[in-house]
């Protein structure tokens, strides 16, 4: 499912697939950008859950894309 036309390249080769904006890896990529270091999905989720990193905006953006797709 293509959400943002011409968006980021997906693992399948297309651009703008839902998983590029509304998945755990999309959240981890946003968190990595925000914090300026590479994070795994697990570490990004743990940082968000523990409150050790301010990632509410990144979670919200991921959820908004998912909501639009649904």
C-alpha atoms as a PDB file:
ATOM      1  CA  UNK A   1       0.000   0.000   0.000  1.00  0.00           C
ATOM      2  CA  UNK A   2       1.530   3.270  -1.109  1.00  0.00           C
ATOM      3  CA  UNK A   3       0.881   6.108   1.321  1.00  0.00           C
ATOM      4  CA  UNK A   4       3.177   9.039   0.490  1.00  0.00           C
ATOM      5  CA  UNK A   5       3.546   9.122  -3.281  1.00  0.00           C
ATOM      6  CA  UNK A   6       7.219   9.237  -4.174  1.00  0.00           C
ATOM      7  CA  UNK A   7       8.212   8.571  -0.570  1.00  0.00           C
ATOM      8  CA  UNK A   8      11.180   6.680   0.762  1.00  0.00           C
ATOM      9  CA  UNK A   9      12.392   3.537  -1.010  1.00  0.00           C
ATOM     10  CA  UNK A  10      10.897   0.385   0.516  1.00  0.00           C
ATOM     11  CA  UNK A  11      12.563  -3.001   0.867  1.00  0.00           C
ATOM     12  CA  UNK A  12      10.308  -4.264  -1.939  1.00  0.00           C
ATOM     13  CA  UNK A  13      11.760  -1.659  -4.326  1.00  0.00           C
ATOM     14  CA  UNK A  14       8.718   0.626  -4.498  1.00  0.00           C
ATOM     15  CA  UNK A  15       8.572   4.114  -3.020  1.00  0.00           C
ATOM     16  CA  UNK A  16       6.223   5.254  -0.259  1.00  0.00           C
ATOM     17  CA  UNK A  17       4.961   1.880   0.926  1.00  0.00           C
ATOM     18  CA  UNK A  18       3.063   1.903   4.217  1.00  0.00           C
ATOM     19  CA  UNK A  19       5.880   0.112   6.021  1.00  0.00           C
ATOM     20  CA  UNK A  20       8.261   2.996   5.286  1.00  0.00           C
ATOM     21  CA  UNK A  21       6.146   5.384   7.384  1.00  0.00           C
ATOM     22  CA  UNK A  22       3.953   3.299   9.714  1.00  0.00           C
ATOM     23  CA  UNK A  23       5.981   0.430  11.132  1.00  0.00           C
ATOM     24  CA  UNK A  24       8.292  -0.324  14.003  1.00  0.00           C
ATOM     25  CA  UNK A  25      11.279   0.189  11.720  1.00  0.00           C
ATOM     26  CA  UNK A  26       9.889   3.546  10.583  1.00  0.00           C
ATOM     27  CA  UNK A  27       9.599   4.567  14.237  1.00  0.00           C
ATOM     28  CA  UNK A  28      13.171   3.400  14.930  1.00  0.00           C
ATOM     29  CA  UNK A  29      14.440   5.388  11.933  1.00  0.00           C
ATOM     30  CA  UNK A  30      12.653   8.528  13.188  1.00  0.00           C
ATOM     31  CA  UNK A  31      14.002   7.961  16.712  1.00  0.00           C
ATOM     32  CA  UNK A  32      17.514   7.469  15.337  1.00  0.00           C
ATOM     33  CA  UNK A  33      17.277  10.741  13.431  1.00  0.00           C
ATOM     34  CA  UNK A  34      15.936  12.572  16.492  1.00  0.00           C
ATOM     35  CA  UNK A  35      18.650  11.230  18.799  1.00  0.00           C
ATOM     36  CA  UNK A  36      21.479  11.415  16.271  1.00  0.00           C
ATOM     37  CA  UNK A  37      22.512   7.786  16.607  1.00  0.00           C
ATOM     38  CA  UNK A  38      21.534   4.461  15.119  1.00  0.00           C
ATOM     39  CA  UNK A  39      18.904   2.579  17.128  1.00  0.00           C
ATOM     40  CA  UNK A  40      17.400  -0.847  16.771  1.00  0.00           C
ATOM     41  CA  UNK A  41      13.637  -1.199  16.915  1.00  0.00           C
ATOM     42  CA  UNK A  42      13.950  -2.750  20.376  1.00  0.00           C
ATOM     43  CA  UNK A  43      16.142   0.011  21.768  1.00  0.00           C
ATOM     44  CA  UNK A  44      13.931   2.769  20.330  1.00  0.00           C
ATOM     45  CA  UNK A  45      10.825   1.203  21.873  1.00  0.00           C
ATOM     46  CA  UNK A  46      12.589   0.714  25.208  1.00  0.00           C
ATOM     47  CA  UNK A  47      13.768   4.338  25.268  1.00  0.00           C
ATOM     48  CA  UNK A  48      10.251   5.543  24.502  1.00  0.00           C
ATOM     49  CA  UNK A  49       8.598   3.294  27.094  1.00  0.00           C
ATOM     50  CA  UNK A  50      11.070   4.193  29.819  1.00  0.00           C
ATOM     51  CA  UNK A  51      10.785   7.915  29.144  1.00  0.00           C
ATOM     52  CA  UNK A  52      14.570   8.233  28.783  1.00  0.00           C
ATOM     53  CA  UNK A  53      14.180   9.854  25.364  1.00  0.00           C
ATOM     54  CA  UNK A  54      11.519  12.338  24.202  1.00  0.00           C
ATOM     55  CA  UNK A  55      10.071  10.336  21.325  1.00  0.00           C
ATOM     56  CA  UNK A  56       6.357  11.187  21.591  1.00  0.00           C
ATOM     57  CA  UNK A  57       6.423  13.152  18.316  1.00  0.00           C
ATOM     58  CA  UNK A  58       8.019  10.227  16.480  1.00  0.00           C
ATOM     59  CA  UNK A  59       5.417   7.818  17.879  1.00  0.00           C
ATOM     60  CA  UNK A  60       2.617  10.220  16.954  1.00  0.00           C
ATOM     61  CA  UNK A  61       3.876  10.610  13.389  1.00  0.00           C
ATOM     62  CA  UNK A  62       4.084   6.840  12.954  1.00  0.00           C
ATOM     63  CA  UNK A  63       0.559   6.391  14.343  1.00  0.00           C
ATOM     64  CA  UNK A  64      -0.840   9.196  12.172  1.00  0.00           C
ATOM     65  CA  UNK A  65       0.422   7.511   9.009  1.00  0.00           C
ATOM     66  CA  UNK A  66      -1.099   4.229  10.117  1.00  0.00           C
ATOM     67  CA  UNK A  67      -4.401   5.942  10.896  1.00  0.00           C
ATOM     68  CA  UNK A  68      -4.506   7.594   7.479  1.00  0.00           C
ATOM     69  CA  UNK A  69      -3.874   4.272   5.773  1.00  0.00           C
ATOM     70  CA  UNK A  70      -6.635   2.546   7.738  1.00  0.00           C
END
